C-alpha cells in the first residue's frame, strides 16, 4: 500500500473511512521511518540524513503511541483496521 491509495477515503469517505485512512497513512509513514532507521544503523542508506538518528527514533516512538491510541479508539467505535504493508518495488 502507498499513501496515494488512501486519498479516496480521506476526501470522499465517512468519518470511519477517514479514520481508517489516517491509520493507514500513519502505518505507512511509520514503516518507512523504521526502514530508514534500520538502514542508517546498517549503513546501507544512500544519503546522509540531516537529523540525528535519536530524533528519528523519538519520532518513531511517538508515532507508535499514536498508532496504539487509534487502535484503541477503533475498538471502541467499531471500526475495522487491518495491517498495512509497503508495496515492494
PDB file of N, CA and C in Angstrom:
ATOM      1  N   UNK A   1       0.842  -1.174   0.000  1.00  0.00           N
ATOM      2  CA  UNK A   1       0.000   0.000   0.000  1.00  0.00           C
ATOM      3  C   UNK A   1       0.887   1.237   0.000  1.00  0.00           C
ATOM      4  N   UNK A   2       0.423   2.273  -0.662  1.00  0.00           N
ATOM      5  CA  UNK A   2       1.117   3.554  -0.711  1.00  0.00           C
ATOM      6  C   UNK A   2       0.172   4.648  -0.224  1.00  0.00           C
ATOM      7  N   UNK A   3       0.746   5.790   0.133  1.00  0.00           N
ATOM      8  CA  UNK A   3      -0.075   6.903   0.614  1.00  0.00           C
ATOM      9  C   UNK A   3      -1.170   7.266  -0.380  1.00  0.00           C
ATOM     10  N   UNK A   4      -0.847   7.249  -1.667  1.00  0.00           N
ATOM     11  CA  UNK A   4      -1.836   7.630  -2.680  1.00  0.00           C
ATOM     12  C   UNK A   4      -3.058   6.710  -2.659  1.00  0.00           C
ATOM     13  N   UNK A   5      -2.901   5.494  -2.164  1.00  0.00           N
ATOM     14  CA  UNK A   5      -4.013   4.546  -2.098  1.00  0.00           C
ATOM     15  C   UNK A   5      -5.040   4.921  -1.029  1.00  0.00           C
ATOM     16  N   UNK A   6      -4.705   5.852  -0.157  1.00  0.00           N
ATOM     17  CA  UNK A   6      -5.600   6.235   0.939  1.00  0.00           C
ATOM     18  C   UNK A   6      -6.382   7.510   0.654  1.00  0.00           C
ATOM     19  N   UNK A   7      -6.058   8.184  -0.430  1.00  0.00           N
ATOM     20  CA  UNK A   7      -6.632   9.507  -0.708  1.00  0.00           C
ATOM     21  C   UNK A   7      -8.155   9.461  -0.858  1.00  0.00           C
ATOM     22  N   UNK A   8      -8.674   8.485  -1.564  1.00  0.00           N
ATOM     23  CA  UNK A   8     -10.117   8.401  -1.783  1.00  0.00           C
ATOM     24  C   UNK A   8     -10.901   8.374  -0.488  1.00  0.00           C
ATOM     25  N   UNK A   9     -10.426   7.586   0.468  1.00  0.00           N
ATOM     26  CA  UNK A   9     -11.111   7.514   1.761  1.00  0.00           C
ATOM     27  C   UNK A   9     -11.012   8.825   2.516  1.00  0.00           C
ATOM     28  N   UNK A  10      -9.900   9.531   2.346  1.00  0.00           N
ATOM     29  CA  UNK A  10      -9.705  10.791   3.061  1.00  0.00           C
ATOM     30  C   UNK A  10     -10.643  11.873   2.559  1.00  0.00           C
ATOM     31  N   UNK A  11     -10.859  11.951   1.257  1.00  0.00           N
ATOM     32  CA  UNK A  11     -11.639  13.063   0.713  1.00  0.00           C
ATOM     33  C   UNK A  11     -13.102  12.727   0.464  1.00  0.00           C
ATOM     34  N   UNK A  12     -13.424  11.481   0.249  1.00  0.00           N
ATOM     35  CA  UNK A  12     -14.792  11.120  -0.132  1.00  0.00           C
ATOM     36  C   UNK A  12     -15.525  10.263   0.891  1.00  0.00           C
ATOM     37  N   UNK A  13     -14.836   9.860   1.934  1.00  0.00           N
ATOM     38  CA  UNK A  13     -15.433   8.888   2.822  1.00  0.00           C
ATOM     39  C   UNK A  13     -16.140   9.467   4.029  1.00  0.00           C
ATOM     40  N   UNK A  14     -16.762   8.566   4.758  1.00  0.00           N
ATOM     41  CA  UNK A  14     -17.388   8.896   6.037  1.00  0.00           C
ATOM     42  C   UNK A  14     -16.281   9.133   7.060  1.00  0.00           C
ATOM     43  N   UNK A  15     -16.660   9.512   8.268  1.00  0.00           N
ATOM     44  CA  UNK A  15     -15.629   9.717   9.285  1.00  0.00           C
ATOM     45  C   UNK A  15     -14.893   8.413   9.566  1.00  0.00           C
ATOM     46  N   UNK A  16     -15.583   7.278   9.462  1.00  0.00           N
ATOM     47  CA  UNK A  16     -14.921   5.989   9.676  1.00  0.00           C
ATOM     48  C   UNK A  16     -13.912   5.715   8.561  1.00  0.00           C
ATOM     49  N   UNK A  17     -14.270   6.056   7.330  1.00  0.00           N
ATOM     50  CA  UNK A  17     -13.332   5.893   6.218  1.00  0.00           C
ATOM     51  C   UNK A  17     -12.110   6.787   6.425  1.00  0.00           C
ATOM     52  N   UNK A  18     -12.349   8.020   6.855  1.00  0.00           N
ATOM     53  CA  UNK A  18     -11.233   8.943   7.103  1.00  0.00           C
ATOM     54  C   UNK A  18     -10.353   8.439   8.248  1.00  0.00           C
ATOM     55  N   UNK A  19     -10.979   7.860   9.251  1.00  0.00           N
ATOM     56  CA  UNK A  19     -10.248   7.283  10.371  1.00  0.00           C
ATOM     57  C   UNK A  19      -9.335   6.163   9.877  1.00  0.00           C
ATOM     58  N   UNK A  20      -9.890   5.263   9.062  1.00  0.00           N
ATOM     59  CA  UNK A  20      -9.109   4.155   8.506  1.00  0.00           C
ATOM     60  C   UNK A  20      -7.959   4.700   7.658  1.00  0.00           C
ATOM     61  N   UNK A  21      -8.239   5.709   6.842  1.00  0.00           N
ATOM     62  CA  UNK A  21      -7.194   6.303   6.000  1.00  0.00           C
ATOM     63  C   UNK A  21      -6.096   6.923   6.863  1.00  0.00           C
ATOM     64  N   UNK A  22      -6.481   7.598   7.935  1.00  0.00           N
ATOM     65  CA  UNK A  22      -5.496   8.191   8.848  1.00  0.00           C
ATOM     66  C   UNK A  22      -4.603   7.110   9.431  1.00  0.00           C
ATOM     67  N   UNK A  23      -5.204   6.011   9.859  1.00  0.00           N
ATOM     68  CA  UNK A  23      -4.455   4.878  10.414  1.00  0.00           C
ATOM     69  C   UNK A  23      -3.519   4.289   9.366  1.00  0.00           C
ATOM     70  N   UNK A  24      -4.020   4.118   8.150  1.00  0.00           N
ATOM     71  CA  UNK A  24      -3.193   3.558   7.077  1.00  0.00           C
ATOM     72  C   UNK A  24      -2.020   4.478   6.752  1.00  0.00           C
ATOM     73  N   UNK A  25      -2.284   5.782   6.685  1.00  0.00           N
ATOM     74  CA  UNK A  25      -1.216   6.741   6.396  1.00  0.00           C
ATOM     75  C   UNK A  25      -0.156   6.728   7.490  1.00  0.00           C
ATOM     76  N   UNK A  26      -0.591   6.715   8.723  1.00  0.00           N
ATOM     77  CA  UNK A  26       0.349   6.652   9.840  1.00  0.00           C
ATOM     78  C   UNK A  26       1.178   5.372   9.767  1.00  0.00           C
ATOM     79  N   UNK A  27       0.529   4.256   9.480  1.00  0.00           N
ATOM     80  CA  UNK A  27       1.226   2.972   9.391  1.00  0.00           C
ATOM     81  C   UNK A  27       2.276   2.992   8.288  1.00  0.00           C
ATOM     82  N   UNK A  28       1.925   3.536   7.145  1.00  0.00           N
ATOM     83  CA  UNK A  28       2.867   3.621   6.022  1.00  0.00           C
ATOM     84  C   UNK A  28       4.063   4.486   6.401  1.00  0.00           C
ATOM     85  N   UNK A  29       3.789   5.640   6.971  1.00  0.00           N
ATOM     86  CA  UNK A  29       4.880   6.544   7.360  1.00  0.00           C
ATOM     87  C   UNK A  29       5.791   5.909   8.419  1.00  0.00           C
ATOM     88  N   UNK A  30       5.190   5.203   9.367  1.00  0.00           N
ATOM     89  CA  UNK A  30       5.974   4.548  10.409  1.00  0.00           C
ATOM     90  C   UNK A  30       6.835   3.426   9.825  1.00  0.00           C
ATOM     91  N   UNK A  31       6.277   2.644   8.927  1.00  0.00           N
ATOM     92  CA  UNK A  31       7.068   1.591   8.275  1.00  0.00           C
ATOM     93  C   UNK A  31       8.258   2.181   7.528  1.00  0.00           C
ATOM     94  N   UNK A  32       8.027   3.269   6.813  1.00  0.00           N
ATOM     95  CA  UNK A  32       9.114   3.917   6.068  1.00  0.00           C
ATOM     96  C   UNK A  32      10.163   4.494   7.012  1.00  0.00           C
ATOM     97  N   UNK A  33       9.719   5.100   8.098  1.00  0.00           N
ATOM     98  CA  UNK A  33      10.660   5.651   9.068  1.00  0.00           C
ATOM     99  C   UNK A  33      11.473   4.538   9.726  1.00  0.00           C
ATOM    100  N   UNK A  34      10.813   3.456  10.096  1.00  0.00           N
ATOM    101  CA  UNK A  34      11.532   2.314  10.681  1.00  0.00           C
ATOM    102  C   UNK A  34      12.557   1.745   9.700  1.00  0.00           C
ATOM    103  N   UNK A  35      12.196   1.682   8.418  1.00  0.00           N
ATOM    104  CA  UNK A  35      13.147   1.212   7.394  1.00  0.00           C
ATOM    105  C   UNK A  35      14.339   2.151   7.297  1.00  0.00           C
ATOM    106  N   UNK A  36      14.080   3.462   7.354  1.00  0.00           N
ATOM    107  CA  UNK A  36      15.161   4.444   7.292  1.00  0.00           C
ATOM    108  C   UNK A  36      16.098   4.278   8.483  1.00  0.00           C
ATOM    109  N   UNK A  37      15.536   4.138   9.672  1.00  0.00           N
ATOM    110  CA  UNK A  37      16.343   3.952  10.879  1.00  0.00           C
ATOM    111  C   UNK A  37      17.193   2.690  10.760  1.00  0.00           C
ATOM    112  N   UNK A  38      16.591   1.620  10.282  1.00  0.00           N
ATOM    113  CA  UNK A  38      17.333   0.367  10.102  1.00  0.00           C
ATOM    114  C   UNK A  38      18.490   0.554   9.123  1.00  0.00           C
ATOM    115  N   UNK A  39      18.221   1.228   8.000  1.00  0.00           N
ATOM    116  CA  UNK A  39      19.274   1.434   7.001  1.00  0.00           C
ATOM    117  C   UNK A  39      20.392   2.323   7.537  1.00  0.00           C
ATOM    118  N   UNK A  40      20.057   3.303   8.357  1.00  0.00           N
ATOM    119  CA  UNK A  40      21.092   4.150   8.966  1.00  0.00           C
ATOM    120  C   UNK A  40      21.979   3.293   9.858  1.00  0.00           C
ATOM    121  N   UNK A  41      21.361   2.458  10.680  1.00  0.00           N
ATOM    122  CA  UNK A  41      22.129   1.605  11.595  1.00  0.00           C
ATOM    123  C   UNK A  41      22.993   0.596  10.852  1.00  0.00           C
ATOM    124  N   UNK A  42      22.454   0.097   9.719  1.00  0.00           N
ATOM    125  CA  UNK A  42      23.200  -0.880   8.916  1.00  0.00           C
ATOM    126  C   UNK A  42      24.180  -0.216   7.952  1.00  0.00           C
ATOM    127  N   UNK A  43      24.143   1.124   7.907  1.00  0.00           N
ATOM    128  CA  UNK A  43      24.976   1.904   6.992  1.00  0.00           C
ATOM    129  C   UNK A  43      24.740   1.529   5.533  1.00  0.00           C
ATOM    130  N   UNK A  44      23.457   1.293   5.213  1.00  0.00           N
ATOM    131  CA  UNK A  44      23.083   0.956   3.840  1.00  0.00           C
ATOM    132  C   UNK A  44      22.242   2.040   3.190  1.00  0.00           C
ATOM    133  N   UNK A  45      22.099   3.167   3.856  1.00  0.00           N
ATOM    134  CA  UNK A  45      21.280   4.252   3.325  1.00  0.00           C
ATOM    135  C   UNK A  45      22.084   5.006   2.267  1.00  0.00           C
ATOM    136  N   UNK A  46      21.412   5.483   1.230  1.00  0.00           N
ATOM    137  CA  UNK A  46      22.116   6.094   0.103  1.00  0.00           C
ATOM    138  C   UNK A  46      22.188   7.622   0.181  1.00  0.00           C
ATOM    139  N   UNK A  47      21.945   8.179   1.363  1.00  0.00           N
ATOM    140  CA  UNK A  47      22.092   9.619   1.562  1.00  0.00           C
ATOM    141  C   UNK A  47      22.474   9.867   3.020  1.00  0.00           C
ATOM    142  N   UNK A  48      22.920  11.058   3.301  1.00  0.00           N
ATOM    143  CA  UNK A  48      23.304  11.423   4.662  1.00  0.00           C
ATOM    144  C   UNK A  48      22.158  12.178   5.325  1.00  0.00           C
ATOM    145  N   UNK A  49      21.455  11.548   6.272  1.00  0.00           N
ATOM    146  CA  UNK A  49      20.355  12.239   6.954  1.00  0.00           C
ATOM    147  C   UNK A  49      20.880  13.469   7.703  1.00  0.00           C
ATOM    148  N   UNK A  50      20.098  14.547   7.665  1.00  0.00           N
ATOM    149  CA  UNK A  50      20.500  15.770   8.357  1.00  0.00           C
ATOM    150  C   UNK A  50      20.189  15.723   9.847  1.00  0.00           C
ATOM    151  N   UNK A  51      19.186  14.951  10.234  1.00  0.00           N
ATOM    152  CA  UNK A  51      18.807  14.844  11.649  1.00  0.00           C
ATOM    153  C   UNK A  51      19.538  13.681  12.301  1.00  0.00           C
ATOM    154  N   UNK A  52      19.887  13.823  13.565  1.00  0.00           N
ATOM    155  CA  UNK A  52      20.485  12.692  14.287  1.00  0.00           C
ATOM    156  C   UNK A  52      19.491  11.534  14.378  1.00  0.00           C
ATOM    157  N   UNK A  53      20.017  10.339  14.405  1.00  0.00           N
ATOM    158  CA  UNK A  53      19.161   9.151  14.471  1.00  0.00           C
ATOM    159  C   UNK A  53      18.273   9.182  15.717  1.00  0.00           C
ATOM    160  N   UNK A  54      18.731   9.818  16.783  1.00  0.00           N
ATOM    161  CA  UNK A  54      17.927   9.902  18.008  1.00  0.00           C
ATOM    162  C   UNK A  54      16.612  10.646  17.759  1.00  0.00           C
ATOM    163  N   UNK A  55      16.632  11.645  16.890  1.00  0.00           N
ATOM    164  CA  UNK A  55      15.401  12.362  16.543  1.00  0.00           C
ATOM    165  C   UNK A  55      14.440  11.433  15.810  1.00  0.00           C
ATOM    166  N   UNK A  56      14.983  10.663  14.888  1.00  0.00           N
ATOM    167  CA  UNK A  56      14.142   9.745  14.106  1.00  0.00           C
ATOM    168  C   UNK A  56      13.555   8.659  15.003  1.00  0.00           C
ATOM    169  N   UNK A  57      14.362   8.152  15.924  1.00  0.00           N
ATOM    170  CA  UNK A  57      13.879   7.122  16.847  1.00  0.00           C
ATOM    171  C   UNK A  57      12.804   7.680  17.774  1.00  0.00           C
ATOM    172  N   UNK A  58      12.972   8.910  18.236  1.00  0.00           N
ATOM    173  CA  UNK A  58      11.956   9.534  19.094  1.00  0.00           C
ATOM    174  C   UNK A  58      10.659   9.743  18.315  1.00  0.00           C
ATOM    175  N   UNK A  59      10.778  10.180  17.076  1.00  0.00           N
ATOM    176  CA  UNK A  59       9.599  10.369  16.231  1.00  0.00           C
ATOM    177  C   UNK A  59       8.869   9.042  16.036  1.00  0.00           C
ATOM    178  N   UNK A  60       9.620   7.984  15.763  1.00  0.00           N
ATOM    179  CA  UNK A  60       9.013   6.671  15.559  1.00  0.00           C
ATOM    180  C   UNK A  60       8.289   6.206  16.820  1.00  0.00           C
ATOM    181  N   UNK A  61       8.869   6.460  17.971  1.00  0.00           N
ATOM    182  CA  UNK A  61       8.238   6.054  19.234  1.00  0.00           C
ATOM    183  C   UNK A  61       6.905   6.770  19.431  1.00  0.00           C
ATOM    184  N   UNK A  62       6.881   8.068  19.180  1.00  0.00           N
ATOM    185  CA  UNK A  62       5.644   8.836  19.319  1.00  0.00           C
ATOM    186  C   UNK A  62       4.605   8.338  18.323  1.00  0.00           C
ATOM    187  N   UNK A  63       5.038   8.024  17.120  1.00  0.00           N
ATOM    188  CA  UNK A  63       4.111   7.511  16.110  1.00  0.00           C
ATOM    189  C   UNK A  63       3.513   6.172  16.542  1.00  0.00           C
ATOM    190  N   UNK A  64       4.324   5.322  17.195  1.00  0.00           N
ATOM    191  CA  UNK A  64       3.805   4.033  17.688  1.00  0.00           C
ATOM    192  C   UNK A  64       2.741   4.254  18.770  1.00  0.00           C
ATOM    193  N   UNK A  65       2.959   5.227  19.649  1.00  0.00           N
ATOM    194  CA  UNK A  65       1.968   5.553  20.687  1.00  0.00           C
ATOM    195  C   UNK A  65       0.676   6.034  20.027  1.00  0.00           C
ATOM    196  N   UNK A  66       0.802   6.935  19.065  1.00  0.00           N
ATOM    197  CA  UNK A  66      -0.352   7.457  18.328  1.00  0.00           C
ATOM    198  C   UNK A  66      -1.112   6.313  17.641  1.00  0.00           C
ATOM    199  N   UNK A  67      -0.378   5.394  17.038  1.00  0.00           N
ATOM    200  CA  UNK A  67      -1.000   4.252  16.361  1.00  0.00           C
ATOM    201  C   UNK A  67      -1.794   3.399  17.359  1.00  0.00           C
ATOM    202  N   UNK A  68      -1.218   3.174  18.540  1.00  0.00           N
ATOM    203  CA  UNK A  68      -1.920   2.397  19.572  1.00  0.00           C
ATOM    204  C   UNK A  68      -3.208   3.087  20.010  1.00  0.00           C
ATOM    205  N   UNK A  69      -3.165   4.409  20.136  1.00  0.00           N
ATOM    206  CA  UNK A  69      -4.364   5.156  20.505  1.00  0.00           C
ATOM    207  C   UNK A  69      -5.444   4.986  19.437  1.00  0.00           C
ATOM    208  N   UNK A  70      -5.061   5.087  18.180  1.00  0.00           N
ATOM    209  CA  UNK A  70      -6.033   4.887  17.099  1.00  0.00           C
ATOM    210  C   UNK A  70      -6.612   3.474  17.150  1.00  0.00           C
ATOM    211  N   UNK A  71      -5.781   2.491  17.445  1.00  0.00           N
ATOM    212  CA  UNK A  71      -6.265   1.109  17.521  1.00  0.00           C
ATOM    213  C   UNK A  71      -7.274   0.941  18.659  1.00  0.00           C
ATOM    214  N   UNK A  72      -7.022   1.571  19.796  1.00  0.00           N
ATOM    215  CA  UNK A  72      -7.968   1.500  20.920  1.00  0.00           C
ATOM    216  C   UNK A  72      -9.270   2.214  20.589  1.00  0.00           C
ATOM    217  N   UNK A  73      -9.167   3.367  19.939  1.00  0.00           N
ATOM    218  CA  UNK A  73     -10.375   4.085  19.513  1.00  0.00           C
ATOM    219  C   UNK A  73     -11.180   3.243  18.532  1.00  0.00           C
ATOM    220  N   UNK A  74     -10.487   2.597  17.616  1.00  0.00           N
ATOM    221  CA  UNK A  74     -11.178   1.789  16.608  1.00  0.00           C
ATOM    222  C   UNK A  74     -12.003   0.689  17.273  1.00  0.00           C
ATOM    223  N   UNK A  75     -11.475   0.092  18.308  1.00  0.00           N
ATOM    224  CA  UNK A  75     -12.227  -0.940  19.028  1.00  0.00           C
ATOM    225  C   UNK A  75     -13.493  -0.341  19.636  1.00  0.00           C
ATOM    226  N   UNK A  76     -13.349   0.794  20.302  1.00  0.00           N
ATOM    227  CA  UNK A  76     -14.496   1.450  20.943  1.00  0.00           C
ATOM    228  C   UNK A  76     -15.540   1.900  19.933  1.00  0.00           C
ATOM    229  N   UNK A  77     -15.095   2.299  18.737  1.00  0.00           N
ATOM    230  CA  UNK A  77     -16.001   2.859  17.738  1.00  0.00           C
ATOM    231  C   UNK A  77     -16.389   1.849  16.659  1.00  0.00           C
ATOM    232  N   UNK A  78     -16.054   0.579  16.886  1.00  0.00           N
ATOM    233  CA  UNK A  78     -16.381  -0.493  15.940  1.00  0.00           C
ATOM    234  C   UNK A  78     -15.899  -0.185  14.517  1.00  0.00           C
ATOM    235  N   UNK A  79     -14.636   0.201  14.432  1.00  0.00           N
ATOM    236  CA  UNK A  79     -14.001   0.473  13.140  1.00  0.00           C
ATOM    237  C   UNK A  79     -12.987  -0.627  12.891  1.00  0.00           C
ATOM    238  N   UNK A  80     -13.078  -1.264  11.749  1.00  0.00           N
ATOM    239  CA  UNK A  80     -12.167  -2.353  11.411  1.00  0.00           C
ATOM    240  C   UNK A  80     -10.899  -1.797  10.772  1.00  0.00           C
ATOM    241  N   UNK A  81      -9.767  -2.140  11.370  1.00  0.00           N
ATOM    242  CA  UNK A  81      -8.466  -1.764  10.838  1.00  0.00           C
ATOM    243  C   UNK A  81      -7.744  -3.027  10.397  1.00  0.00           C
ATOM    244  N   UNK A  82      -6.865  -2.880   9.433  1.00  0.00           N
ATOM    245  CA  UNK A  82      -6.071  -4.027   9.013  1.00  0.00           C
ATOM    246  C   UNK A  82      -4.615  -3.608   8.929  1.00  0.00           C
ATOM    247  N   UNK A  83      -3.733  -4.577   9.041  1.00  0.00           N
ATOM    248  CA  UNK A  83      -2.308  -4.309   8.951  1.00  0.00           C
ATOM    249  C   UNK A  83      -1.974  -3.781   7.557  1.00  0.00           C
ATOM    250  N   UNK A  84      -1.036  -2.893   7.515  1.00  0.00           N
ATOM    251  CA  UNK A  84      -0.614  -2.271   6.266  1.00  0.00           C
ATOM    252  C   UNK A  84       0.812  -2.725   5.965  1.00  0.00           C
ATOM    253  N   UNK A  85       1.071  -3.026   4.706  1.00  0.00           N
ATOM    254  CA  UNK A  85       2.422  -3.325   4.280  1.00  0.00           C
ATOM    255  C   UNK A  85       2.780  -2.443   3.104  1.00  0.00           C
ATOM    256  N   UNK A  86       4.063  -2.200   2.948  1.00  0.00           N
ATOM    257  CA  UNK A  86       4.525  -1.360   1.847  1.00  0.00           C
ATOM    258  C   UNK A  86       4.557  -2.169   0.567  1.00  0.00           C
ATOM    259  N   UNK A  87       4.261  -1.514  -0.531  1.00  0.00           N
ATOM    260  CA  UNK A  87       4.391  -2.162  -1.846  1.00  0.00           C
ATOM    261  C   UNK A  87       5.862  -2.404  -2.104  1.00  0.00           C
ATOM    262  N   UNK A  88       6.164  -3.598  -2.552  1.00  0.00           N
ATOM    263  CA  UNK A  88       7.537  -3.924  -2.912  1.00  0.00           C
ATOM    264  C   UNK A  88       7.799  -3.474  -4.329  1.00  0.00           C
ATOM    265  N   UNK A  89       8.955  -2.896  -4.530  1.00  0.00           N
ATOM    266  CA  UNK A  89       9.295  -2.397  -5.867  1.00  0.00           C
ATOM    267  C   UNK A  89       9.837  -3.523  -6.706  1.00  0.00           C
TER     268      UNK A  89
END
